[in-house]
N, C-alpha and C. Protein backbone atom coordinates (compact mmCIF):
# COMPACT_ATOMS: atom_id res chain seq x y z
N MET A 1 -13.94 58.30 25.76
CA MET A 1 -13.85 56.91 25.42
C MET A 1 -14.10 55.89 27.22
N GLN A 2 -14.72 54.56 26.91
CA GLN A 2 -15.33 54.19 27.42
C GLN A 2 -13.67 53.52 28.49
N PRO A 3 -13.82 53.00 30.43
CA PRO A 3 -13.46 52.86 30.31
C PRO A 3 -12.58 51.32 30.11
N LEU A 4 -11.51 50.73 31.22
CA LEU A 4 -11.37 49.39 30.08
C LEU A 4 -11.27 48.72 31.87
N THR A 5 -12.41 47.51 31.19
CA THR A 5 -12.32 46.75 33.05
C THR A 5 -11.45 45.81 33.11
N SER A 6 -11.89 45.10 34.13
CA SER A 6 -10.44 44.54 34.44
C SER A 6 -10.46 43.32 33.44
N ARG A 7 -10.46 42.56 32.36
CA ARG A 7 -10.52 41.57 31.63
C ARG A 7 -9.81 42.11 30.34
N ALA A 8 -10.53 43.19 29.63
CA ALA A 8 -9.90 44.24 28.87
C ALA A 8 -8.67 44.49 28.69
N LYS A 9 -7.27 43.76 27.15
CA LYS A 9 -6.39 44.82 28.08
C LYS A 9 -6.71 45.94 26.73
N ALA A 10 -5.69 47.04 26.41
CA ALA A 10 -5.41 47.92 26.09
C ALA A 10 -4.47 47.63 24.82
N VAL A 11 -5.12 47.57 23.56
CA VAL A 11 -3.45 48.01 22.43
C VAL A 11 -2.93 48.79 22.56
N ASP A 12 -1.64 47.79 22.42
CA ASP A 12 -0.50 49.34 22.62
C ASP A 12 -0.41 49.85 20.98
N ARG A 13 -0.07 51.27 21.71
CA ARG A 13 -0.26 52.22 18.87
C ARG A 13 0.36 52.64 19.42
N LYS A 14 2.10 52.47 20.04
CA LYS A 14 3.20 53.49 19.80
C LYS A 14 2.95 53.12 18.63
N PRO A 15 4.36 54.36 17.56
CA PRO A 15 4.48 54.68 16.26
C PRO A 15 6.52 53.48 16.37
N MET A 16 6.48 52.80 15.05
CA MET A 16 6.90 52.43 14.82
C MET A 16 8.58 53.14 13.88
N ASN A 17 9.65 53.62 14.99
CA ASN A 17 10.59 53.41 14.33
C ASN A 17 11.33 52.74 12.36
N LEU A 18 12.17 53.94 12.58
CA LEU A 18 12.62 53.88 11.04
C LEU A 18 12.94 52.21 11.16
N TRP A 19 13.57 51.74 11.56
CA TRP A 19 14.23 50.59 11.57
C TRP A 19 13.13 49.29 10.85
N GLU A 20 11.67 49.71 12.13
CA GLU A 20 11.30 49.02 11.52
C GLU A 20 9.78 49.37 11.00
N LYS A 21 10.06 51.05 9.97
CA LYS A 21 9.23 51.27 9.39
C LYS A 21 9.71 50.56 7.62
N MET A 22 10.98 50.31 7.54
CA MET A 22 11.72 49.62 6.88
C MET A 22 11.72 47.95 7.18
N TYR A 23 10.98 48.02 7.67
CA TYR A 23 10.64 46.13 8.08
C TYR A 23 12.02 44.83 7.71
N ILE A 24 13.30 45.54 7.92
CA ILE A 24 14.03 44.68 8.40
C ILE A 24 14.62 44.00 9.03
N PRO A 25 14.05 43.83 10.16
CA PRO A 25 13.88 42.31 11.44
C PRO A 25 13.00 41.44 10.91
N ALA A 26 12.19 41.83 9.56
CA ALA A 26 10.54 41.30 9.38
C ALA A 26 11.24 40.13 7.77
N ILE A 27 12.40 40.67 7.18
CA ILE A 27 12.75 39.83 6.65
C ILE A 27 14.52 39.25 6.42
N ALA A 28 15.06 40.23 8.02
CA ALA A 28 15.75 39.61 8.31
C ALA A 28 15.28 38.20 7.80
N LYS A 29 13.52 37.93 9.51
CA LYS A 29 13.76 36.45 9.70
C LYS A 29 13.55 35.60 9.43
N GLY A 30 11.97 36.14 8.50
CA GLY A 30 11.58 34.65 7.33
C GLY A 30 13.31 34.38 6.03
N MET A 31 13.90 35.26 6.04
CA MET A 31 15.27 34.76 5.85
C MET A 31 16.52 33.58 6.58
N SER A 32 16.10 33.62 7.30
CA SER A 32 16.97 33.37 7.89
C SER A 32 16.43 31.66 8.26
N ILE A 33 14.67 32.61 8.43
CA ILE A 33 13.75 30.90 8.48
C ILE A 33 13.98 29.92 6.99
N THR A 34 14.17 30.87 5.70
CA THR A 34 14.26 30.41 4.13
C THR A 34 15.40 29.80 4.23
N PHE A 35 16.92 29.87 4.36
CA PHE A 35 18.47 30.02 4.79
C PHE A 35 17.55 28.38 5.91
N GLY A 36 17.33 27.98 6.14
CA GLY A 36 18.02 26.94 7.25
C GLY A 36 17.41 25.76 6.53
N HIS A 37 16.30 26.02 6.05
CA HIS A 37 15.25 25.44 4.83
C HIS A 37 16.20 24.49 3.89
N MET A 38 17.13 25.78 3.60
CA MET A 38 17.67 25.61 2.34
C MET A 38 19.29 24.37 2.77
N PHE A 39 19.29 24.14 3.94
CA PHE A 39 20.08 23.19 4.24
C PHE A 39 19.84 21.92 5.01
N LYS A 40 19.13 22.30 5.16
CA LYS A 40 18.26 20.12 6.05
C LYS A 40 18.35 19.61 4.56
N LYS A 41 17.58 18.42 5.73
CA LYS A 41 18.13 17.02 4.90
C LYS A 41 16.81 17.24 4.02
N LYS A 42 16.31 17.01 2.29
CA LYS A 42 15.51 16.50 1.90
C LYS A 42 14.01 15.95 2.41
N PRO A 43 13.05 15.39 2.43
CA PRO A 43 12.24 14.95 2.55
C PRO A 43 12.31 13.92 2.19
N THR A 44 12.01 14.36 0.51
CA THR A 44 11.78 13.00 -0.41
C THR A 44 13.57 12.56 -1.05
N VAL A 45 12.31 11.08 -2.56
CA VAL A 45 13.93 10.25 -2.09
C VAL A 45 13.09 10.51 -3.94
N ASN A 46 13.94 10.40 -4.87
CA ASN A 46 14.91 10.24 -6.22
C ASN A 46 14.25 9.11 -6.39
N TYR A 47 12.85 8.69 -6.78
CA TYR A 47 12.12 6.72 -6.27
C TYR A 47 12.75 6.11 -7.36
N PRO A 48 12.55 6.21 -8.80
CA PRO A 48 13.10 5.20 -9.30
C PRO A 48 14.51 4.20 -8.96
N GLU A 49 15.31 5.16 -8.71
CA GLU A 49 16.61 4.97 -8.18
C GLU A 49 17.27 5.08 -6.78
N LYS A 50 16.16 5.62 -5.88
CA LYS A 50 16.30 5.87 -4.10
C LYS A 50 14.56 4.96 -4.03
N LYS A 51 14.41 3.33 -2.94
CA LYS A 51 13.84 3.94 -2.54
C LYS A 51 13.68 3.88 -0.81
N ARG A 52 12.49 3.94 -0.13
CA ARG A 52 12.48 4.83 0.57
C ARG A 52 11.45 3.28 1.22
N PRO A 53 12.49 2.86 3.38
CA PRO A 53 12.09 1.74 3.36
C PRO A 53 10.83 1.65 3.97
N PHE A 54 10.58 0.74 3.42
CA PHE A 54 8.54 0.16 4.03
C PHE A 54 8.70 0.24 5.51
N SER A 55 7.70 0.20 5.70
CA SER A 55 7.44 -0.19 7.28
C SER A 55 6.34 -1.35 7.27
N PRO A 56 7.34 -1.87 8.46
CA PRO A 56 6.78 -3.57 8.78
C PRO A 56 5.77 -4.13 8.30
N VAL A 57 4.65 -2.76 8.38
CA VAL A 57 2.95 -3.18 8.18
C VAL A 57 2.62 -3.11 6.94
N PHE A 58 3.66 -2.55 6.39
CA PHE A 58 2.83 -1.67 4.95
C PHE A 58 2.46 -2.88 4.37
N ARG A 59 1.37 -2.61 4.03
CA ARG A 59 1.02 -3.49 2.66
C ARG A 59 -0.07 -3.29 1.78
N GLY A 60 0.46 -3.92 0.66
CA GLY A 60 1.16 -4.09 -0.56
C GLY A 60 0.14 -4.21 -1.55
N LEU A 61 0.43 -5.01 -2.63
CA LEU A 61 -0.63 -5.28 -3.83
C LEU A 61 -0.84 -7.32 -3.01
N HIS A 62 -2.19 -7.84 -3.31
CA HIS A 62 -2.22 -8.67 -3.22
C HIS A 62 -1.31 -9.45 -4.24
N VAL A 63 -1.28 -10.89 -3.18
CA VAL A 63 -0.92 -11.82 -3.94
C VAL A 63 -1.14 -13.35 -3.88
N LEU A 64 -1.04 -14.18 -5.15
CA LEU A 64 -2.15 -15.10 -4.98
C LEU A 64 -0.65 -16.43 -4.60
N ASN A 65 -0.77 -17.28 -3.45
CA ASN A 65 0.67 -17.91 -2.79
C ASN A 65 -0.23 -19.46 -3.77
N ARG A 66 1.85 -20.18 -3.86
CA ARG A 66 1.37 -21.82 -4.15
C ARG A 66 2.37 -22.19 -2.76
N ASP A 67 1.60 -24.31 -2.96
CA ASP A 67 2.83 -24.16 -2.07
C ASP A 67 4.21 -24.91 -2.72
N GLU A 68 5.00 -25.19 -2.07
CA GLU A 68 6.55 -25.52 -2.07
C GLU A 68 6.33 -26.90 -3.91
N GLU A 69 5.23 -27.67 -4.17
CA GLU A 69 5.43 -27.79 -4.92
C GLU A 69 4.66 -27.34 -5.97
N GLY A 70 4.02 -26.25 -6.13
CA GLY A 70 3.41 -25.73 -6.79
C GLY A 70 2.40 -25.13 -7.17
N ARG A 71 1.62 -25.65 -6.21
CA ARG A 71 -0.08 -26.09 -7.04
C ARG A 71 -0.38 -24.71 -6.12
N GLU A 72 -1.64 -24.63 -6.15
CA GLU A 72 -2.45 -23.70 -5.84
C GLU A 72 -2.58 -23.05 -4.60
N ARG A 73 -2.62 -22.11 -3.72
CA ARG A 73 -2.98 -22.40 -1.79
C ARG A 73 -4.72 -22.39 -2.33
N CYS A 74 -5.70 -21.80 -3.29
CA CYS A 74 -6.68 -21.26 -2.69
C CYS A 74 -7.69 -21.94 -3.71
N THR A 75 -8.50 -22.42 -2.57
CA THR A 75 -9.38 -23.58 -2.34
C THR A 75 -10.76 -22.70 -2.84
N ALA A 76 -11.43 -21.48 -2.73
CA ALA A 76 -12.53 -21.04 -3.88
C ALA A 76 -13.62 -21.14 -1.99
N CYS A 77 -12.54 -20.90 -0.94
CA CYS A 77 -14.24 -21.03 -0.37
C CYS A 77 -14.94 -19.32 -0.09
N GLY A 78 -14.44 -18.40 0.04
CA GLY A 78 -14.69 -17.20 -0.28
C GLY A 78 -15.53 -16.79 0.58
N LEU A 79 -14.07 -16.98 1.81
CA LEU A 79 -14.29 -15.72 3.49
C LEU A 79 -13.13 -15.10 2.28
N CYS A 80 -12.10 -14.44 1.89
CA CYS A 80 -11.25 -13.76 1.42
C CYS A 80 -11.89 -12.83 0.76
N ALA A 81 -13.61 -12.84 0.47
CA ALA A 81 -14.34 -11.85 -0.60
C ALA A 81 -15.65 -11.53 0.52
N VAL A 82 -15.92 -12.71 1.27
CA VAL A 82 -16.43 -12.48 3.08
C VAL A 82 -16.45 -11.08 3.81
N ALA A 83 -14.96 -11.04 3.80
CA ALA A 83 -14.40 -10.35 5.29
C ALA A 83 -14.00 -9.83 3.83
N CYS A 84 -13.91 -8.76 2.82
CA CYS A 84 -13.61 -7.96 2.61
C CYS A 84 -14.51 -6.62 2.65
N PRO A 85 -14.73 -5.45 3.32
CA PRO A 85 -15.33 -4.41 3.37
C PRO A 85 -15.30 -3.76 2.67
N ALA A 86 -14.83 -3.72 1.07
CA ALA A 86 -15.04 -2.81 0.43
C ALA A 86 -16.25 -4.27 -0.64
N GLU A 87 -16.14 -4.90 -0.53
CA GLU A 87 -16.89 -5.81 -1.57
C GLU A 87 -15.64 -5.69 -3.19
N ALA A 88 -14.52 -5.90 -3.30
CA ALA A 88 -13.58 -5.62 -4.13
C ALA A 88 -12.85 -7.57 -4.77
N ILE A 89 -13.61 -8.54 -4.27
CA ILE A 89 -12.75 -9.49 -4.84
C ILE A 89 -14.26 -10.39 -4.97
N THR A 90 -13.94 -10.51 -6.32
CA THR A 90 -15.13 -11.74 -6.46
C THR A 90 -14.24 -12.70 -7.03
N MET A 91 -15.04 -14.27 -7.05
CA MET A 91 -14.30 -15.52 -7.83
C MET A 91 -15.82 -16.66 -7.42
N GLU A 92 -15.24 -17.06 -8.67
CA GLU A 92 -15.49 -18.36 -9.39
C GLU A 92 -15.40 -19.95 -8.82
N GLY A 93 -15.98 -20.35 -7.79
CA GLY A 93 -15.53 -22.03 -7.96
C GLY A 93 -15.38 -23.28 -8.39
N ALA A 94 -14.55 -24.05 -8.74
CA ALA A 94 -14.38 -25.54 -10.30
C ALA A 94 -13.94 -26.91 -9.38
N GLU A 95 -14.19 -27.47 -10.04
CA GLU A 95 -14.37 -29.18 -8.79
C GLU A 95 -12.74 -28.87 -9.77
N ARG A 96 -12.00 -29.58 -9.04
CA ARG A 96 -10.52 -30.61 -9.97
C ARG A 96 -10.99 -31.74 -10.87
N MET A 97 -10.69 -31.77 -11.31
CA MET A 97 -10.23 -32.67 -12.79
C MET A 97 -9.06 -33.48 -12.42
N PRO A 98 -9.42 -34.94 -12.82
CA PRO A 98 -9.14 -36.21 -12.56
C PRO A 98 -7.58 -35.33 -13.29
N GLY A 99 -5.86 -35.65 -13.01
CA GLY A 99 -4.82 -34.89 -13.50
C GLY A 99 -4.76 -33.61 -13.28
N GLU A 100 -5.33 -33.35 -13.01
CA GLU A 100 -5.27 -31.99 -12.33
C GLU A 100 -4.79 -31.63 -10.63
N GLU A 101 -3.86 -32.77 -10.53
CA GLU A 101 -3.49 -32.70 -8.38
C GLU A 101 -2.22 -32.20 -8.70
N LYS A 102 -2.23 -31.71 -10.01
CA LYS A 102 -0.32 -30.88 -9.53
C LYS A 102 -0.29 -29.71 -9.85
N LEU A 103 -1.62 -29.22 -9.93
CA LEU A 103 -2.01 -27.38 -10.34
C LEU A 103 -2.98 -26.90 -9.40
N TYR A 104 -3.50 -28.39 -8.27
CA TYR A 104 -3.89 -27.73 -7.36
C TYR A 104 -4.26 -28.27 -6.39
N ARG A 105 -4.09 -27.78 -5.29
CA ARG A 105 -3.76 -28.23 -3.65
C ARG A 105 -5.48 -29.14 -3.52
N GLU A 106 -6.52 -28.33 -3.43
CA GLU A 106 -7.37 -29.55 -3.14
C GLU A 106 -8.48 -29.26 -4.64
N GLU A 107 -9.79 -30.16 -3.67
CA GLU A 107 -10.37 -30.61 -4.63
C GLU A 107 -11.62 -28.97 -5.94
N LYS A 108 -11.35 -27.85 -4.87
CA LYS A 108 -11.71 -27.29 -5.15
C LYS A 108 -10.88 -26.68 -5.74
N TYR A 109 -11.31 -25.71 -6.24
CA TYR A 109 -10.20 -24.11 -6.73
C TYR A 109 -10.54 -23.42 -6.93
N ALA A 110 -9.87 -21.38 -7.20
CA ALA A 110 -10.62 -21.19 -7.91
C ALA A 110 -10.87 -21.24 -8.77
N ALA A 111 -11.25 -20.90 -9.77
CA ALA A 111 -11.75 -19.93 -11.57
C ALA A 111 -11.60 -18.93 -12.30
N LYS A 112 -12.29 -18.42 -11.57
CA LYS A 112 -11.77 -17.52 -11.29
C LYS A 112 -11.58 -16.19 -10.28
N TYR A 113 -10.66 -15.24 -10.10
CA TYR A 113 -10.85 -15.30 -9.28
C TYR A 113 -9.81 -13.73 -8.97
N GLU A 114 -10.68 -12.29 -8.83
CA GLU A 114 -10.60 -11.45 -9.57
C GLU A 114 -10.54 -10.16 -7.92
N ILE A 115 -9.81 -8.85 -8.13
CA ILE A 115 -9.62 -7.91 -6.97
C ILE A 115 -9.68 -6.86 -8.43
N ASN A 116 -10.67 -6.18 -7.16
CA ASN A 116 -10.38 -4.61 -8.25
C ASN A 116 -10.19 -3.66 -6.98
N MET A 117 -8.28 -2.98 -8.07
CA MET A 117 -8.33 -2.35 -7.23
C MET A 117 -7.92 -0.88 -6.77
N LEU A 118 -9.18 -0.72 -7.43
CA LEU A 118 -10.04 0.50 -7.21
C LEU A 118 -10.76 0.54 -6.11
N ARG A 119 -11.38 -0.23 -5.83
CA ARG A 119 -12.47 -0.43 -4.84
C ARG A 119 -11.64 -1.35 -3.33
N CYS A 120 -10.32 -1.47 -3.57
CA CYS A 120 -9.38 -2.34 -2.40
C CYS A 120 -9.39 -1.36 -1.30
N ILE A 121 -9.16 -0.90 -0.21
CA ILE A 121 -8.51 -0.36 1.00
C ILE A 121 -7.74 -0.78 1.47
N PHE A 122 -6.85 -1.27 1.11
CA PHE A 122 -5.63 -3.10 1.58
C PHE A 122 -5.97 -2.97 2.94
N CYS A 123 -7.24 -2.77 3.79
CA CYS A 123 -6.74 -3.59 5.09
C CYS A 123 -6.04 -4.59 5.42
N GLY A 124 -6.21 -5.73 4.96
CA GLY A 124 -5.70 -7.07 5.69
C GLY A 124 -6.52 -8.02 5.43
N LEU A 125 -7.43 -7.05 5.83
CA LEU A 125 -8.86 -8.74 6.12
C LEU A 125 -8.85 -10.22 5.30
N CYS A 126 -8.54 -9.40 3.81
CA CYS A 126 -8.42 -11.21 3.00
C CYS A 126 -7.36 -12.31 3.48
N GLU A 127 -6.19 -11.30 3.73
CA GLU A 127 -5.37 -11.79 4.49
C GLU A 127 -5.49 -12.92 6.07
N GLU A 128 -5.85 -12.09 6.87
CA GLU A 128 -6.11 -12.81 8.22
C GLU A 128 -7.29 -13.66 7.95
N ALA A 129 -8.56 -14.02 7.20
CA ALA A 129 -9.53 -15.06 6.79
C ALA A 129 -9.40 -15.87 6.35
N CYS A 130 -8.61 -15.59 4.96
CA CYS A 130 -8.05 -16.97 5.04
C CYS A 130 -7.34 -18.21 5.77
N PRO A 131 -7.66 -19.25 5.30
CA PRO A 131 -7.02 -21.03 6.27
C PRO A 131 -6.43 -21.14 5.65
N LYS A 132 -6.23 -21.30 4.24
CA LYS A 132 -5.38 -22.29 3.40
C LYS A 132 -4.08 -21.30 3.69
N ASP A 133 -3.22 -19.93 4.45
CA ASP A 133 -3.10 -18.85 3.77
C ASP A 133 -2.95 -18.66 2.13
N ALA A 134 -3.86 -18.16 1.48
CA ALA A 134 -3.47 -18.84 -0.35
C ALA A 134 -3.32 -17.08 -0.73
N ILE A 135 -3.42 -16.43 0.06
CA ILE A 135 -3.87 -14.38 -0.38
C ILE A 135 -2.59 -13.34 0.76
N TYR A 136 -2.01 -12.56 0.10
CA TYR A 136 -1.04 -11.88 0.52
C TYR A 136 -0.36 -10.85 0.52
N LEU A 137 -0.81 -10.27 1.49
CA LEU A 137 0.06 -8.04 1.07
C LEU A 137 1.20 -8.12 0.91
N SER A 138 1.79 -7.92 -0.33
CA SER A 138 3.25 -8.01 -0.34
C SER A 138 3.44 -6.15 -0.42
N GLU A 139 5.06 -6.44 -0.84
CA GLU A 139 6.16 -4.73 -0.13
C GLU A 139 5.79 -4.25 -1.85
N THR A 140 4.91 -4.71 -2.29
CA THR A 140 4.83 -3.42 -3.50
C THR A 140 3.46 -2.53 -3.89
N PHE A 141 4.36 -1.49 -4.38
CA PHE A 141 2.77 -0.87 -5.09
C PHE A 141 1.71 -1.25 -5.82
N ALA A 142 0.43 -0.72 -6.27
CA ALA A 142 -0.90 -0.13 -6.80
C ALA A 142 -0.29 -0.12 -8.05
N PRO A 143 0.22 -0.45 -9.75
CA PRO A 143 0.69 0.53 -10.24
C PRO A 143 -0.72 1.38 -11.04
N ALA A 144 0.24 2.43 -11.53
CA ALA A 144 -0.31 3.22 -11.82
C ALA A 144 -1.15 2.93 -13.47
N ASN A 145 -2.43 3.84 -14.42
CA ASN A 145 -2.89 2.42 -14.96
C ASN A 145 -3.57 3.21 -15.79
N TYR A 146 -4.00 3.73 -16.96
CA TYR A 146 -5.02 4.53 -17.85
C TYR A 146 -6.15 3.68 -18.03
N THR A 147 -6.28 3.32 -18.37
CA THR A 147 -7.75 2.68 -18.00
C THR A 147 -8.74 1.75 -16.27
N ARG A 148 -9.33 1.57 -16.12
CA ARG A 148 -10.28 1.35 -15.03
C ARG A 148 -9.94 -0.37 -14.98
N LYS A 149 -10.28 -1.25 -16.71
CA LYS A 149 -9.89 -2.43 -16.31
C LYS A 149 -8.28 -1.98 -15.95
N GLY A 150 -7.52 -1.73 -16.44
CA GLY A 150 -5.51 -1.96 -15.80
C GLY A 150 -6.41 -2.14 -14.62
N PHE A 151 -7.17 -1.53 -13.50
CA PHE A 151 -7.18 -2.17 -11.92
C PHE A 151 -7.39 -3.29 -11.89
N ILE A 152 -8.66 -3.93 -12.70
CA ILE A 152 -9.13 -5.49 -12.14
C ILE A 152 -8.47 -6.46 -12.09
N TYR A 153 -7.70 -6.88 -10.65
CA TYR A 153 -6.18 -7.85 -12.09
C TYR A 153 -7.04 -9.23 -11.32
N GLY A 154 -6.30 -10.12 -12.20
CA GLY A 154 -7.48 -11.64 -13.14
C GLY A 154 -6.14 -12.46 -12.19
N LYS A 155 -6.81 -13.06 -11.96
CA LYS A 155 -5.67 -15.21 -11.72
C LYS A 155 -4.44 -14.27 -11.69
N GLU A 156 -4.27 -14.76 -12.99
CA GLU A 156 -3.59 -14.54 -14.11
C GLU A 156 -2.14 -13.37 -13.29
N GLU A 157 -2.08 -12.66 -13.01
CA GLU A 157 -2.07 -11.17 -12.33
C GLU A 157 -1.18 -11.92 -10.74
N LEU A 158 -2.47 -12.34 -10.30
CA LEU A 158 -2.40 -11.84 -9.03
C LEU A 158 -1.24 -13.68 -8.54
N LEU A 159 -1.11 -14.21 -8.91
CA LEU A 159 -0.77 -15.90 -9.04
C LEU A 159 0.64 -15.80 -8.59
N ILE A 160 1.73 -16.39 -8.17
CA ILE A 160 2.61 -16.15 -7.76
C ILE A 160 3.02 -17.18 -8.62
N PRO A 161 5.31 -17.15 -9.24
CA PRO A 161 5.01 -17.89 -10.26
C PRO A 161 5.61 -19.28 -9.78
N ASN A 162 5.97 -19.86 -10.69
CA ASN A 162 5.75 -21.82 -9.67
C ASN A 162 7.26 -21.89 -9.13
N PRO A 163 7.68 -22.45 -8.34
CA PRO A 163 8.52 -22.62 -7.78
C PRO A 163 8.93 -23.25 -8.22
N VAL A 164 8.64 -24.52 -8.89
CA VAL A 164 9.04 -26.14 -9.17
C VAL A 164 9.77 -25.63 -10.88
N THR A 165 8.68 -24.53 -11.73
CA THR A 165 8.75 -24.68 -13.01
C THR A 165 9.66 -23.55 -13.44
N GLN A 166 9.32 -21.52 -12.83
CA GLN A 166 10.06 -20.82 -12.72
C GLN A 166 10.43 -20.04 -11.36
N PRO A 167 12.08 -21.04 -11.24
CA PRO A 167 12.29 -20.60 -9.70
C PRO A 167 13.21 -19.18 -10.38
N ALA A 168 13.61 -19.22 -11.03
CA ALA A 168 13.87 -17.47 -10.60
C ALA A 168 13.00 -16.01 -11.16
N GLU A 169 11.72 -16.97 -11.70
CA GLU A 169 11.10 -15.74 -11.63
C GLU A 169 10.28 -15.31 -9.99
N PHE A 170 10.26 -16.55 -9.67
CA PHE A 170 9.84 -17.32 -8.14
C PHE A 170 10.55 -16.01 -6.95
N ALA A 171 12.05 -16.41 -7.37
CA ALA A 171 12.81 -15.31 -6.08
C ALA A 171 12.99 -14.42 -6.17
N GLN A 172 12.81 -13.92 -7.23
CA GLN A 172 11.93 -11.99 -7.57
C GLN A 172 10.60 -11.63 -7.85
N ALA A 173 9.84 -12.91 -7.28
CA ALA A 173 8.04 -12.80 -6.83
C ALA A 173 8.26 -11.96 -5.38
N ARG A 174 9.45 -12.50 -5.38
CA ARG A 174 9.75 -13.13 -3.88
C ARG A 174 10.03 -11.71 -2.39
N GLY A 175 11.18 -11.47 -3.52
CA GLY A 175 12.41 -10.66 -3.83
C GLY A 175 13.02 -10.73 -2.50
N GLY A 176 14.10 -12.04 -2.77
CA GLY A 176 14.82 -12.01 -1.79
C GLY A 176 14.73 -12.63 -0.41
N GLY A 177 12.98 -13.21 -0.46
CA GLY A 177 13.00 -12.99 0.43
C GLY A 177 12.34 -11.62 2.19
N SER A 178 12.36 -10.60 1.25
CA SER A 178 11.44 -9.90 1.52
C SER A 178 10.21 -10.13 1.72
N GLU A 179 8.72 -10.58 0.72
CA GLU A 179 8.25 -10.15 0.26
C GLU A 179 7.01 -11.30 0.42
N ALA A 180 8.01 -12.35 2.29
CA ALA A 180 7.64 -13.85 1.94
C ALA A 180 5.94 -13.47 2.15
N PRO A 181 5.32 -14.74 2.45
CA PRO A 181 3.72 -14.48 2.80
C PRO A 181 4.06 -14.43 4.89
N ARG A 182 2.58 -13.06 5.23
CA ARG A 182 3.46 -13.44 6.81
C ARG A 182 2.39 -14.13 6.64
N GLY A 183 2.41 -14.70 8.82
CA GLY A 183 0.92 -15.33 8.91
C GLY A 183 1.74 -17.06 9.56
């Protein structure tokens, strides 16, 4: 046998006694850990009945905002689409026609506005880039869907209800003030 160096230590190979051979201390320690976890508060939540509170910085589904008169705020400037690192936003602009002043705030508006939620990374850069506060990220999850097409949200799905013609739906979409636009 070679002599031990100053760094190496010998492994203690003393024989186990009867108590250790029956593994009772190890079983008792494992059972104490198991019973300890049984009586702790569970981290899971019964989701539909209870909802976990969101962080103040949570970014959920996108919402296209309206002004106080119910007109769309989006002017189709395209800054949100340019700012999006995932290239999830596509839009097409159009000119407002005479008689559409009650629908659109500016002379130019988004005729087509789509967000591909499969590509979106919920970074919030579109919200920061918008000069008109037309888009914000709400405190709502992206719902599950069975098809890829169901994750491409058009302007109809993204627009908040009109506060003038649909006040009840508008209040529900705002969540009693919890989903008010930030900024």
